[in-house]
Amino acid sequence: MCFCDFELKTKQGYGLGCNHYFCRDCFAGFLLEELNSRGKGVLFTCCPQPKCNYLVVDEDWNQLLSDQDYRKYRKFALRMYIEECPQYKWCFDPRCSLITEIKDESQISKQGNIRCN
């Protein structure tokens, strides 16, 4: 990933939960590239060390990305969660960003849309 010299346990180095360490700036660049190129697949970003399947966790994204980029990551995470959980649905109006919890079928219109209250 990089060939920068850095001390492992200083501000220059960054360690993942799998105990692989990287130059902080280069790893932040790696995460930013993942964020901008993988869409919601970014949630499955693994440690870049070959043959390591450790998933990069929320805390890593939070510590290494700018606030704006971290918010983008969190939007992907929320979208993925809502898409995977049948009890939650997005409002059908594309101008609305609200989510509703489906407690009973009366909340769903005959067209299959969710009524936002």
PDB file of N, CA and C in Angstrom:
ATOM      1  N   MET A   1       0.818  -1.183   0.000  1.00  0.00           N
ATOM      2  CA  MET A   1       0.000   0.000   0.000  1.00  0.00           C
ATOM      3  C   MET A   1       0.864   1.250   0.000  1.00  0.00           C
ATOM      4  N   CYS A   2       1.881   1.283   0.857  1.00  0.00           N
ATOM      5  CA  CYS A   2       2.803   2.415   0.825  1.00  0.00           C
ATOM      6  C   CYS A   2       4.153   1.932   1.322  1.00  0.00           C
ATOM      7  N   PHE A   3       5.139   2.733   1.055  1.00  0.00           N
ATOM      8  CA  PHE A   3       6.483   2.405   1.506  1.00  0.00           C
ATOM      9  C   PHE A   3       7.029   3.502   2.405  1.00  0.00           C
ATOM     10  N   CYS A   4       6.136   4.262   3.021  1.00  0.00           N
ATOM     11  CA  CYS A   4       6.539   5.342   3.923  1.00  0.00           C
ATOM     12  C   CYS A   4       7.142   4.753   5.192  1.00  0.00           C
ATOM     13  N   ASP A   5       8.149   5.424   5.699  1.00  0.00           N
ATOM     14  CA  ASP A   5       8.691   5.041   6.998  1.00  0.00           C
ATOM     15  C   ASP A   5       7.853   5.711   8.075  1.00  0.00           C
ATOM     16  N   PHE A   6       7.463   4.941   9.072  1.00  0.00           N
ATOM     17  CA  PHE A   6       6.703   5.514  10.177  1.00  0.00           C
ATOM     18  C   PHE A   6       6.892   4.633  11.400  1.00  0.00           C
ATOM     19  N   GLU A   7       6.736   5.241  12.529  1.00  0.00           N
ATOM     20  CA  GLU A   7       6.797   4.498  13.782  1.00  0.00           C
ATOM     21  C   GLU A   7       5.419   3.909  14.050  1.00  0.00           C
ATOM     22  N   LEU A   8       5.362   2.639  14.378  1.00  0.00           N
ATOM     23  CA  LEU A   8       4.081   1.952  14.537  1.00  0.00           C
ATOM     24  C   LEU A   8       3.149   2.622  15.532  1.00  0.00           C
ATOM     25  N   LYS A   9       3.649   2.991  16.657  1.00  0.00           N
ATOM     26  CA  LYS A   9       2.756   3.476  17.712  1.00  0.00           C
ATOM     27  C   LYS A   9       2.878   4.985  17.910  1.00  0.00           C
ATOM     28  N   THR A  10       2.977   5.700  16.810  1.00  0.00           N
ATOM     29  CA  THR A  10       2.992   7.165  16.861  1.00  0.00           C
ATOM     30  C   THR A  10       1.803   7.671  16.065  1.00  0.00           C
ATOM     31  N   LYS A  11       1.693   8.986  15.963  1.00  0.00           N
ATOM     32  CA  LYS A  11       0.604   9.578  15.183  1.00  0.00           C
ATOM     33  C   LYS A  11       0.727   9.265  13.697  1.00  0.00           C
ATOM     34  N   GLN A  12       1.912   8.863  13.253  1.00  0.00           N
ATOM     35  CA  GLN A  12       2.118   8.553  11.835  1.00  0.00           C
ATOM     36  C   GLN A  12       1.573   7.186  11.453  1.00  0.00           C
ATOM     37  N   GLY A  13       1.516   6.268  12.394  1.00  0.00           N
ATOM     38  CA  GLY A  13       1.060   4.908  12.121  1.00  0.00           C
ATOM     39  C   GLY A  13      -0.379   4.706  12.545  1.00  0.00           C
ATOM     40  N   TYR A  14      -1.049   3.780  11.857  1.00  0.00           N
ATOM     41  CA  TYR A  14      -2.429   3.460  12.223  1.00  0.00           C
ATOM     42  C   TYR A  14      -2.582   1.945  12.207  1.00  0.00           C
ATOM     43  N   GLY A  15      -3.096   1.397  13.293  1.00  0.00           N
ATOM     44  CA  GLY A  15      -3.268  -0.052  13.410  1.00  0.00           C
ATOM     45  C   GLY A  15      -4.724  -0.452  13.403  1.00  0.00           C
ATOM     46  N   LEU A  16      -5.005  -1.524  12.688  1.00  0.00           N
ATOM     47  CA  LEU A  16      -6.354  -2.087  12.658  1.00  0.00           C
ATOM     48  C   LEU A  16      -6.483  -3.171  13.733  1.00  0.00           C
ATOM     49  N   GLY A  17      -7.686  -3.619  13.956  1.00  0.00           N
ATOM     50  CA  GLY A  17      -7.943  -4.666  14.946  1.00  0.00           C
ATOM     51  C   GLY A  17      -7.285  -5.991  14.613  1.00  0.00           C
ATOM     52  N   CYS A  18      -6.835  -6.164  13.383  1.00  0.00           N
ATOM     53  CA  CYS A  18      -6.166  -7.395  12.957  1.00  0.00           C
ATOM     54  C   CYS A  18      -4.660  -7.321  13.224  1.00  0.00           C
ATOM     55  N   ASN A  19      -4.220  -6.211  13.821  1.00  0.00           N
ATOM     56  CA  ASN A  19      -2.818  -5.952  14.136  1.00  0.00           C
ATOM     57  C   ASN A  19      -1.942  -5.697  12.916  1.00  0.00           C
ATOM     58  N   HIS A  20      -2.524  -5.250  11.815  1.00  0.00           N
ATOM     59  CA  HIS A  20      -1.754  -4.772  10.675  1.00  0.00           C
ATOM     60  C   HIS A  20      -1.674  -3.256  10.788  1.00  0.00           C
ATOM     61  N   TYR A  21      -0.492  -2.713  10.552  1.00  0.00           N
ATOM     62  CA  TYR A  21      -0.244  -1.286  10.694  1.00  0.00           C
ATOM     63  C   TYR A  21       0.091  -0.663   9.347  1.00  0.00           C
ATOM     64  N   PHE A  22      -0.345   0.583   9.189  1.00  0.00           N
ATOM     65  CA  PHE A  22      -0.139   1.317   7.948  1.00  0.00           C
ATOM     66  C   PHE A  22       0.210   2.756   8.264  1.00  0.00           C
ATOM     67  N   CYS A  23       0.810   3.411   7.313  1.00  0.00           N
ATOM     68  CA  CYS A  23       1.018   4.850   7.393  1.00  0.00           C
ATOM     69  C   CYS A  23      -0.379   5.494   7.435  1.00  0.00           C
ATOM     70  N   ARG A  24      -0.613   6.352   8.413  1.00  0.00           N
ATOM     71  CA  ARG A  24      -1.935   6.967   8.616  1.00  0.00           C
ATOM     72  C   ARG A  24      -2.426   7.685   7.359  1.00  0.00           C
ATOM     73  N   ASP A  25      -1.581   8.497   6.740  1.00  0.00           N
ATOM     74  CA  ASP A  25      -1.999   9.260   5.562  1.00  0.00           C
ATOM     75  C   ASP A  25      -2.330   8.341   4.386  1.00  0.00           C
ATOM     76  N   CYS A  26      -1.510   7.325   4.166  1.00  0.00           N
ATOM     77  CA  CYS A  26      -1.756   6.405   3.054  1.00  0.00           C
ATOM     78  C   CYS A  26      -3.019   5.577   3.289  1.00  0.00           C
ATOM     79  N   PHE A  27      -3.241   5.157   4.526  1.00  0.00           N
ATOM     80  CA  PHE A  27      -4.433   4.360   4.812  1.00  0.00           C
ATOM     81  C   PHE A  27      -5.687   5.228   4.689  1.00  0.00           C
ATOM     82  N   ALA A  28      -5.613   6.479   5.123  1.00  0.00           N
ATOM     83  CA  ALA A  28      -6.746   7.394   4.955  1.00  0.00           C
ATOM     84  C   ALA A  28      -7.039   7.572   3.464  1.00  0.00           C
ATOM     85  N   GLY A  29      -6.009   7.678   2.647  1.00  0.00           N
ATOM     86  CA  GLY A  29      -6.186   7.782   1.195  1.00  0.00           C
ATOM     87  C   GLY A  29      -6.835   6.536   0.612  1.00  0.00           C
ATOM     88  N   PHE A  30      -6.437   5.372   1.126  1.00  0.00           N
ATOM     89  CA  PHE A  30      -7.038   4.102   0.708  1.00  0.00           C
ATOM     90  C   PHE A  30      -8.531   4.098   1.034  1.00  0.00           C
ATOM     91  N   LEU A  31      -8.891   4.513   2.248  1.00  0.00           N
ATOM     92  CA  LEU A  31     -10.304   4.539   2.640  1.00  0.00           C
ATOM     93  C   LEU A  31     -11.102   5.520   1.792  1.00  0.00           C
ATOM     94  N   LEU A  32     -10.527   6.670   1.511  1.00  0.00           N
ATOM     95  CA  LEU A  32     -11.214   7.668   0.687  1.00  0.00           C
ATOM     96  C   LEU A  32     -11.451   7.134  -0.725  1.00  0.00           C
ATOM     97  N   GLU A  33     -10.470   6.446  -1.274  1.00  0.00           N
ATOM     98  CA  GLU A  33     -10.637   5.841  -2.604  1.00  0.00           C
ATOM     99  C   GLU A  33     -11.739   4.780  -2.574  1.00  0.00           C
ATOM    100  N   GLU A  34     -11.769   3.969  -1.532  1.00  0.00           N
ATOM    101  CA  GLU A  34     -12.829   2.968  -1.376  1.00  0.00           C
ATOM    102  C   GLU A  34     -14.195   3.644  -1.306  1.00  0.00           C
ATOM    103  N   LEU A  35     -14.290   4.698  -0.514  1.00  0.00           N
ATOM    104  CA  LEU A  35     -15.544   5.417  -0.336  1.00  0.00           C
ATOM    105  C   LEU A  35     -16.063   5.983  -1.653  1.00  0.00           C
ATOM    106  N   ASN A  36     -15.159   6.501  -2.459  1.00  0.00           N
ATOM    107  CA  ASN A  36     -15.562   7.162  -3.699  1.00  0.00           C
ATOM    108  C   ASN A  36     -15.735   6.219  -4.881  1.00  0.00           C
ATOM    109  N   SER A  37     -15.343   4.966  -4.732  1.00  0.00           N
ATOM    110  CA  SER A  37     -15.406   4.069  -5.883  1.00  0.00           C
ATOM    111  C   SER A  37     -16.302   2.845  -5.694  1.00  0.00           C
ATOM    112  N   ARG A  38     -16.646   2.485  -4.488  1.00  0.00           N
ATOM    113  CA  ARG A  38     -17.352   1.221  -4.257  1.00  0.00           C
ATOM    114  C   ARG A  38     -18.825   1.347  -3.924  1.00  0.00           C
ATOM    115  N   GLY A  39     -19.350   2.555  -3.803  1.00  0.00           N
ATOM    116  CA  GLY A  39     -20.751   2.680  -3.422  1.00  0.00           C
ATOM    117  C   GLY A  39     -20.976   2.033  -2.066  1.00  0.00           C
ATOM    118  N   LYS A  40     -22.140   1.392  -1.910  1.00  0.00           N
ATOM    119  CA  LYS A  40     -22.409   0.787  -0.595  1.00  0.00           C
ATOM    120  C   LYS A  40     -21.544  -0.443  -0.332  1.00  0.00           C
ATOM    121  N   GLY A  41     -20.831  -0.914  -1.339  1.00  0.00           N
ATOM    122  CA  GLY A  41     -19.856  -1.989  -1.123  1.00  0.00           C
ATOM    123  C   GLY A  41     -18.730  -1.562  -0.201  1.00  0.00           C
ATOM    124  N   VAL A  42     -18.629  -0.246   0.029  1.00  0.00           N
ATOM    125  CA  VAL A  42     -17.612   0.283   0.917  1.00  0.00           C
ATOM    126  C   VAL A  42     -17.758  -0.305   2.329  1.00  0.00           C
ATOM    127  N   LEU A  43     -18.949  -0.722   2.678  1.00  0.00           N
ATOM    128  CA  LEU A  43     -19.183  -1.291   4.014  1.00  0.00           C
ATOM    129  C   LEU A  43     -18.482  -2.627   4.208  1.00  0.00           C
ATOM    130  N   PHE A  44     -18.005  -3.193   3.128  1.00  0.00           N
ATOM    131  CA  PHE A  44     -17.311  -4.482   3.197  1.00  0.00           C
ATOM    132  C   PHE A  44     -15.820  -4.328   2.914  1.00  0.00           C
ATOM    133  N   THR A  45     -15.294  -3.147   3.157  1.00  0.00           N
ATOM    134  CA  THR A  45     -13.872  -2.889   2.956  1.00  0.00           C
ATOM    135  C   THR A  45     -13.064  -3.659   3.983  1.00  0.00           C
ATOM    136  N   CYS A  46     -12.095  -4.409   3.494  1.00  0.00           N
ATOM    137  CA  CYS A  46     -11.226  -5.208   4.369  1.00  0.00           C
ATOM    138  C   CYS A  46      -9.846  -4.577   4.473  1.00  0.00           C
ATOM    139  N   CYS A  47      -9.120  -5.017   5.452  1.00  0.00           N
ATOM    140  CA  CYS A  47      -7.723  -4.647   5.612  1.00  0.00           C
ATOM    141  C   CYS A  47      -7.012  -4.906   4.278  1.00  0.00           C
ATOM    142  N   PRO A  48      -6.194  -3.958   3.820  1.00  0.00           N
ATOM    143  CA  PRO A  48      -5.519  -4.141   2.533  1.00  0.00           C
ATOM    144  C   PRO A  48      -4.346  -5.124   2.563  1.00  0.00           C
ATOM    145  N   GLN A  49      -4.014  -5.630   3.731  1.00  0.00           N
ATOM    146  CA  GLN A  49      -2.945  -6.629   3.813  1.00  0.00           C
ATOM    147  C   GLN A  49      -3.410  -7.889   3.071  1.00  0.00           C
ATOM    148  N   PRO A  50      -2.599  -8.422   2.149  1.00  0.00           N
ATOM    149  CA  PRO A  50      -3.014  -9.626   1.408  1.00  0.00           C
ATOM    150  C   PRO A  50      -3.457 -10.762   2.334  1.00  0.00           C
ATOM    151  N   LYS A  51      -4.536 -11.398   1.958  1.00  0.00           N
ATOM    152  CA  LYS A  51      -5.127 -12.552   2.656  1.00  0.00           C
ATOM    153  C   LYS A  51      -5.722 -12.220   4.023  1.00  0.00           C
ATOM    154  N   CYS A  52      -5.879 -10.939   4.341  1.00  0.00           N
ATOM    155  CA  CYS A  52      -6.513 -10.558   5.597  1.00  0.00           C
ATOM    156  C   CYS A  52      -7.967 -10.198   5.304  1.00  0.00           C
ATOM    157  N   ASN A  53      -8.886 -10.792   6.013  1.00  0.00           N
ATOM    158  CA  ASN A  53     -10.314 -10.553   5.803  1.00  0.00           C
ATOM    159  C   ASN A  53     -10.940  -9.675   6.886  1.00  0.00           C
ATOM    160  N   TYR A  54     -10.123  -9.016   7.668  1.00  0.00           N
ATOM    161  CA  TYR A  54     -10.635  -8.148   8.729  1.00  0.00           C
ATOM    162  C   TYR A  54     -11.387  -6.973   8.105  1.00  0.00           C
ATOM    163  N   LEU A  55     -12.641  -6.789   8.511  1.00  0.00           N
ATOM    164  CA  LEU A  55     -13.430  -5.660   8.013  1.00  0.00           C
ATOM    165  C   LEU A  55     -13.024  -4.379   8.736  1.00  0.00           C
ATOM    166  N   VAL A  56     -12.826  -3.327   7.970  1.00  0.00           N
ATOM    167  CA  VAL A  56     -12.542  -2.019   8.548  1.00  0.00           C
ATOM    168  C   VAL A  56     -13.823  -1.565   9.251  1.00  0.00           C
ATOM    169  N   VAL A  57     -13.720  -1.218  10.514  1.00  0.00           N
ATOM    170  CA  VAL A  57     -14.903  -0.897  11.324  1.00  0.00           C
ATOM    171  C   VAL A  57     -15.180   0.603  11.346  1.00  0.00           C
ATOM    172  N   ASP A  58     -16.373   0.949  11.796  1.00  0.00           N
ATOM    173  CA  ASP A  58     -16.836   2.334  11.840  1.00  0.00           C
ATOM    174  C   ASP A  58     -15.828   3.256  12.526  1.00  0.00           C
ATOM    175  N   GLU A  59     -15.268   2.820  13.611  1.00  0.00           N
ATOM    176  CA  GLU A  59     -14.312   3.646  14.363  1.00  0.00           C
ATOM    177  C   GLU A  59     -13.113   4.043  13.490  1.00  0.00           C
ATOM    178  N   ASP A  60     -12.654   3.123  12.634  1.00  0.00           N
ATOM    179  CA  ASP A  60     -11.528   3.431  11.745  1.00  0.00           C
ATOM    180  C   ASP A  60     -11.906   4.527  10.749  1.00  0.00           C
ATOM    181  N   TRP A  61     -13.086   4.384  10.153  1.00  0.00           N
ATOM    182  CA  TRP A  61     -13.559   5.395   9.209  1.00  0.00           C
ATOM    183  C   TRP A  61     -13.667   6.754   9.906  1.00  0.00           C
ATOM    184  N   ASN A  62     -14.219   6.754  11.101  1.00  0.00           N
ATOM    185  CA  ASN A  62     -14.428   7.985  11.860  1.00  0.00           C
ATOM    186  C   ASN A  62     -13.103   8.675  12.184  1.00  0.00           C
ATOM    187  N   GLN A  63     -12.103   7.900  12.544  1.00  0.00           N
ATOM    188  CA  GLN A  63     -10.823   8.483  12.939  1.00  0.00           C
ATOM    189  C   GLN A  63     -10.003   8.999  11.765  1.00  0.00           C
ATOM    190  N   LEU A  64     -10.208   8.425  10.580  1.00  0.00           N
ATOM    191  CA  LEU A  64      -9.317   8.741   9.465  1.00  0.00           C
ATOM    192  C   LEU A  64      -9.912   9.648   8.390  1.00  0.00           C
ATOM    193  N   LEU A  65     -11.226   9.728   8.312  1.00  0.00           N
ATOM    194  CA  LEU A  65     -11.850  10.548   7.270  1.00  0.00           C
ATOM    195  C   LEU A  65     -12.230  11.926   7.799  1.00  0.00           C
ATOM    196  N   SER A  66     -12.377  12.863   6.892  1.00  0.00           N
ATOM    197  CA  SER A  66     -12.903  14.183   7.277  1.00  0.00           C
ATOM    198  C   SER A  66     -14.351  14.001   7.736  1.00  0.00           C
ATOM    199  N   ASP A  67     -14.891  14.984   8.417  1.00  0.00           N
ATOM    200  CA  ASP A  67     -16.282  14.899   8.867  1.00  0.00           C
ATOM    201  C   ASP A  67     -17.233  14.690   7.693  1.00  0.00           C
ATOM    202  N   GLN A  68     -16.998  15.413   6.612  1.00  0.00           N
ATOM    203  CA  GLN A  68     -17.856  15.304   5.435  1.00  0.00           C
ATOM    204  C   GLN A  68     -17.793  13.900   4.823  1.00  0.00           C
ATOM    205  N   ASP A  69     -16.607  13.342   4.705  1.00  0.00           N
ATOM    206  CA  ASP A  69     -16.468  12.004   4.130  1.00  0.00           C
ATOM    207  C   ASP A  69     -17.025  10.940   5.072  1.00  0.00           C
ATOM    208  N   TYR A  70     -16.853  11.141   6.369  1.00  0.00           N
ATOM    209  CA  TYR A  70     -17.415  10.187   7.328  1.00  0.00           C
ATOM    210  C   TYR A  70     -18.942  10.195   7.257  1.00  0.00           C
ATOM    211  N   ARG A  71     -19.555  11.371   7.090  1.00  0.00           N
ATOM    212  CA  ARG A  71     -21.013  11.433   6.935  1.00  0.00           C
ATOM    213  C   ARG A  71     -21.455  10.674   5.686  1.00  0.00           C
ATOM    214  N   LYS A  72     -20.693  10.758   4.620  1.00  0.00           N
ATOM    215  CA  LYS A  72     -21.001  10.010   3.400  1.00  0.00           C
ATOM    216  C   LYS A  72     -20.951   8.505   3.673  1.00  0.00           C
ATOM    217  N   TYR A  73     -19.932   8.074   4.399  1.00  0.00           N
ATOM    218  CA  TYR A  73     -19.825   6.662   4.779  1.00  0.00           C
ATOM    219  C   TYR A  73     -21.038   6.235   5.611  1.00  0.00           C
ATOM    220  N   ARG A  74     -21.425   7.067   6.574  1.00  0.00           N
ATOM    221  CA  ARG A  74     -22.559   6.737   7.444  1.00  0.00           C
ATOM    222  C   ARG A  74     -23.865   6.667   6.646  1.00  0.00           C
ATOM    223  N   LYS A  75     -24.021   7.486   5.599  1.00  0.00           N
ATOM    224  CA  LYS A  75     -25.207   7.413   4.747  1.00  0.00           C
ATOM    225  C   LYS A  75     -25.279   6.060   4.053  1.00  0.00           C
ATOM    226  N   PHE A  76     -24.144   5.580   3.563  1.00  0.00           N
ATOM    227  CA  PHE A  76     -24.120   4.245   2.952  1.00  0.00           C
ATOM    228  C   PHE A  76     -24.525   3.189   3.979  1.00  0.00           C
ATOM    229  N   ALA A  77     -24.017   3.323   5.192  1.00  0.00           N
ATOM    230  CA  ALA A  77     -24.335   2.353   6.242  1.00  0.00           C
ATOM    231  C   ALA A  77     -25.830   2.368   6.565  1.00  0.00           C
ATOM    232  N   LEU A  78     -26.409   3.548   6.669  1.00  0.00           N
ATOM    233  CA  LEU A  78     -27.834   3.652   6.963  1.00  0.00           C
ATOM    234  C   LEU A  78     -28.666   3.068   5.822  1.00  0.00           C
ATOM    235  N   ARG A  79     -28.315   3.423   4.594  1.00  0.00           N
ATOM    236  CA  ARG A  79     -29.062   2.891   3.438  1.00  0.00           C
ATOM    237  C   ARG A  79     -29.029   1.368   3.421  1.00  0.00           C
ATOM    238  N   MET A  80     -27.865   0.802   3.661  1.00  0.00           N
ATOM    239  CA  MET A  80     -27.723  -0.654   3.652  1.00  0.00           C
ATOM    240  C   MET A  80     -28.585  -1.277   4.758  1.00  0.00           C
ATOM    241  N   TYR A  81     -28.564  -0.673   5.932  1.00  0.00           N
ATOM    242  CA  TYR A  81     -29.342  -1.195   7.053  1.00  0.00           C
ATOM    243  C   TYR A  81     -30.836  -1.170   6.727  1.00  0.00           C
ATOM    244  N   ILE A  82     -31.326  -0.046   6.203  1.00  0.00           N
ATOM    245  CA  ILE A  82     -32.750   0.082   5.885  1.00  0.00           C
ATOM    246  C   ILE A  82     -33.148  -0.908   4.792  1.00  0.00           C
ATOM    247  N   GLU A  83     -32.303  -1.097   3.805  1.00  0.00           N
ATOM    248  CA  GLU A  83     -32.612  -2.040   2.722  1.00  0.00           C
ATOM    249  C   GLU A  83     -32.653  -3.480   3.213  1.00  0.00           C
ATOM    250  N   GLU A  84     -31.886  -3.797   4.244  1.00  0.00           N
ATOM    251  CA  GLU A  84     -31.809  -5.166   4.748  1.00  0.00           C
ATOM    252  C   GLU A  84     -32.842  -5.486   5.833  1.00  0.00           C
ATOM    253  N   CYS A  85     -33.450  -4.480   6.415  1.00  0.00           N
ATOM    254  CA  CYS A  85     -34.407  -4.695   7.505  1.00  0.00           C
ATOM    255  C   CYS A  85     -35.834  -4.494   6.996  1.00  0.00           C
ATOM    256  N   PRO A  86     -36.622  -5.559   6.880  1.00  0.00           N
ATOM    257  CA  PRO A  86     -37.966  -5.434   6.310  1.00  0.00           C
ATOM    258  C   PRO A  86     -38.926  -4.586   7.142  1.00  0.00           C
ATOM    259  N   GLN A  87     -38.653  -4.371   8.415  1.00  0.00           N
ATOM    260  CA  GLN A  87     -39.574  -3.587   9.227  1.00  0.00           C
ATOM    261  C   GLN A  87     -39.384  -2.085   9.036  1.00  0.00           C
ATOM    262  N   TYR A  88     -38.375  -1.665   8.274  1.00  0.00           N
ATOM    263  CA  TYR A  88     -38.147  -0.249   7.993  1.00  0.00           C
ATOM    264  C   TYR A  88     -38.211  -0.007   6.498  1.00  0.00           C
ATOM    265  N   LYS A  89     -38.795   1.115   6.124  1.00  0.00           N
ATOM    266  CA  LYS A  89     -38.892   1.486   4.713  1.00  0.00           C
ATOM    267  C   LYS A  89     -38.674   2.984   4.578  1.00  0.00           C
ATOM    268  N   TRP A  90     -38.148   3.381   3.411  1.00  0.00           N
ATOM    269  CA  TRP A  90     -38.013   4.787   3.080  1.00  0.00           C
ATOM    270  C   TRP A  90     -39.365   5.305   2.624  1.00  0.00           C
ATOM    271  N   CYS A  91     -39.640   6.561   2.862  1.00  0.00           N
ATOM    272  CA  CYS A  91     -40.818   7.209   2.307  1.00  0.00           C
ATOM    273  C   CYS A  91     -40.715   7.117   0.787  1.00  0.00           C
ATOM    274  N   PHE A  92     -41.851   6.927   0.111  1.00  0.00           N
ATOM    275  CA  PHE A  92     -41.827   6.768  -1.346  1.00  0.00           C
ATOM    276  C   PHE A  92     -41.551   8.072  -2.082  1.00  0.00           C
ATOM    277  N   ASP A  93     -41.748   9.203  -1.436  1.00  0.00           N
ATOM    278  CA  ASP A  93     -41.517  10.495  -2.067  1.00  0.00           C
ATOM    279  C   ASP A  93     -40.007  10.735  -2.170  1.00  0.00           C
ATOM    280  N   PRO A  94     -39.450  10.849  -3.384  1.00  0.00           N
ATOM    281  CA  PRO A  94     -37.998  11.007  -3.534  1.00  0.00           C
ATOM    282  C   PRO A  94     -37.446  12.285  -2.900  1.00  0.00           C
ATOM    283  N   ARG A  95     -38.303  13.254  -2.604  1.00  0.00           N
ATOM    284  CA  ARG A  95     -37.856  14.492  -1.953  1.00  0.00           C
ATOM    285  C   ARG A  95     -37.770  14.320  -0.437  1.00  0.00           C
ATOM    286  N   CYS A  96     -38.263  13.201   0.067  1.00  0.00           N
ATOM    287  CA  CYS A  96     -38.318  12.968   1.513  1.00  0.00           C
ATOM    288  C   CYS A  96     -37.205  11.999   1.916  1.00  0.00           C
ATOM    289  N   SER A  97     -36.571  12.263   3.031  1.00  0.00           N
ATOM    290  CA  SER A  97     -35.513  11.372   3.504  1.00  0.00           C
ATOM    291  C   SER A  97     -35.913  10.645   4.790  1.00  0.00           C
ATOM    292  N   LEU A  98     -37.222  10.634   5.087  1.00  0.00           N
ATOM    293  CA  LEU A  98     -37.683   9.992   6.313  1.00  0.00           C
ATOM    294  C   LEU A  98     -37.798   8.481   6.147  1.00  0.00           C
ATOM    295  N   ILE A  99     -37.668   7.807   7.258  1.00  0.00           N
ATOM    296  CA  ILE A  99     -37.778   6.354   7.336  1.00  0.00           C
ATOM    297  C   ILE A  99     -38.945   6.061   8.256  1.00  0.00           C
ATOM    298  N   THR A 100     -39.690   5.019   7.951  1.00  0.00           N
ATOM    299  CA  THR A 100     -40.784   4.641   8.835  1.00  0.00           C
ATOM    300  C   THR A 100     -40.637   3.181   9.228  1.00  0.00           C
ATOM    301  N   GLU A 101     -41.107   2.884  10.422  1.00  0.00           N
ATOM    302  CA  GLU A 101     -41.137   1.498  10.888  1.00  0.00           C
ATOM    303  C   GLU A 101     -42.500   0.926  10.542  1.00  0.00           C
ATOM    304  N   ILE A 102     -42.507  -0.194   9.864  1.00  0.00           N
ATOM    305  CA  ILE A 102     -43.752  -0.841   9.458  1.00  0.00           C
ATOM    306  C   ILE A 102     -44.245  -1.701  10.627  1.00  0.00           C
ATOM    307  N   LYS A 103     -45.327  -1.235  11.234  1.00  0.00           N
ATOM    308  CA  LYS A 103     -45.894  -1.990  12.356  1.00  0.00           C
ATOM    309  C   LYS A 103     -47.052  -2.851  11.911  1.00  0.00           C
ATOM    310  N   ASP A 104     -47.738  -2.414  10.858  1.00  0.00           N
ATOM    311  CA  ASP A 104     -48.810  -3.235  10.295  1.00  0.00           C
ATOM    312  C   ASP A 104     -48.998  -2.883   8.831  1.00  0.00           C
ATOM    313  N   GLU A 105     -49.673  -3.716   8.108  1.00  0.00           N
ATOM    314  CA  GLU A 105     -49.842  -3.562   6.664  1.00  0.00           C
ATOM    315  C   GLU A 105     -50.650  -2.323   6.273  1.00  0.00           C
ATOM    316  N   SER A 106     -51.399  -1.718   7.218  1.00  0.00           N
ATOM    317  CA  SER A 106     -52.203  -0.544   6.872  1.00  0.00           C
ATOM    318  C   SER A 106     -51.331   0.659   6.509  1.00  0.00           C
ATOM    319  N   GLN A 107     -50.060   0.626   6.858  1.00  0.00           N
ATOM    320  CA  GLN A 107     -49.160   1.713   6.509  1.00  0.00           C
ATOM    321  C   GLN A 107     -48.735   1.658   5.041  1.00  0.00           C
ATOM    322  N   ILE A 108     -48.997   0.547   4.375  1.00  0.00           N
ATOM    323  CA  ILE A 108     -48.586   0.382   2.984  1.00  0.00           C
ATOM    324  C   ILE A 108     -49.797   0.579   2.085  1.00  0.00           C
ATOM    325  N   SER A 109     -49.677   1.465   1.091  1.00  0.00           N
ATOM    326  CA  SER A 109     -50.792   1.729   0.185  1.00  0.00           C
ATOM    327  C   SER A 109     -50.962   0.569  -0.784  1.00  0.00           C
ATOM    328  N   LYS A 110     -52.061   0.592  -1.548  1.00  0.00           N
ATOM    329  CA  LYS A 110     -52.317  -0.477  -2.515  1.00  0.00           C
ATOM    330  C   LYS A 110     -51.247  -0.538  -3.601  1.00  0.00           C
ATOM    331  N   GLN A 111     -50.537   0.575  -3.842  1.00  0.00           N
ATOM    332  CA  GLN A 111     -49.468   0.596  -4.824  1.00  0.00           C
ATOM    333  C   GLN A 111     -48.147   0.086  -4.234  1.00  0.00           C
ATOM    334  N   GLY A 112     -48.147  -0.248  -2.969  1.00  0.00           N
ATOM    335  CA  GLY A 112     -46.929  -0.734  -2.321  1.00  0.00           C
ATOM    336  C   GLY A 112     -46.076   0.368  -1.737  1.00  0.00           C
ATOM    337  N   ASN A 113     -46.559   1.593  -1.770  1.00  0.00           N
ATOM    338  CA  ASN A 113     -45.804   2.716  -1.230  1.00  0.00           C
ATOM    339  C   ASN A 113     -46.054   2.863   0.267  1.00  0.00           C
ATOM    340  N   ILE A 114     -45.090   3.443   0.924  1.00  0.00           N
ATOM    341  CA  ILE A 114     -45.202   3.709   2.360  1.00  0.00           C
ATOM    342  C   ILE A 114     -45.775   5.105   2.541  1.00  0.00           C
ATOM    343  N   ARG A 115     -46.757   5.201   3.402  1.00  0.00           N
ATOM    344  CA  ARG A 115     -47.317   6.520   3.726  1.00  0.00           C
ATOM    345  C   ARG A 115     -46.479   7.139   4.829  1.00  0.00           C
ATOM    346  N   CYS A 116     -45.892   8.260   4.512  1.00  0.00           N
ATOM    347  CA  CYS A 116     -45.072   8.983   5.476  1.00  0.00           C
ATOM    348  C   CYS A 116     -45.970   9.840   6.342  1.00  0.00           C
ATOM    349  N   ASN A 117     -45.854   9.698   7.639  1.00  0.00           N
ATOM    350  CA  ASN A 117     -46.694  10.484   8.557  1.00  0.00           C
ATOM    351  C   ASN A 117     -45.875  11.614   9.152  1.00  0.00           C
TER     352      ASN A 117
END
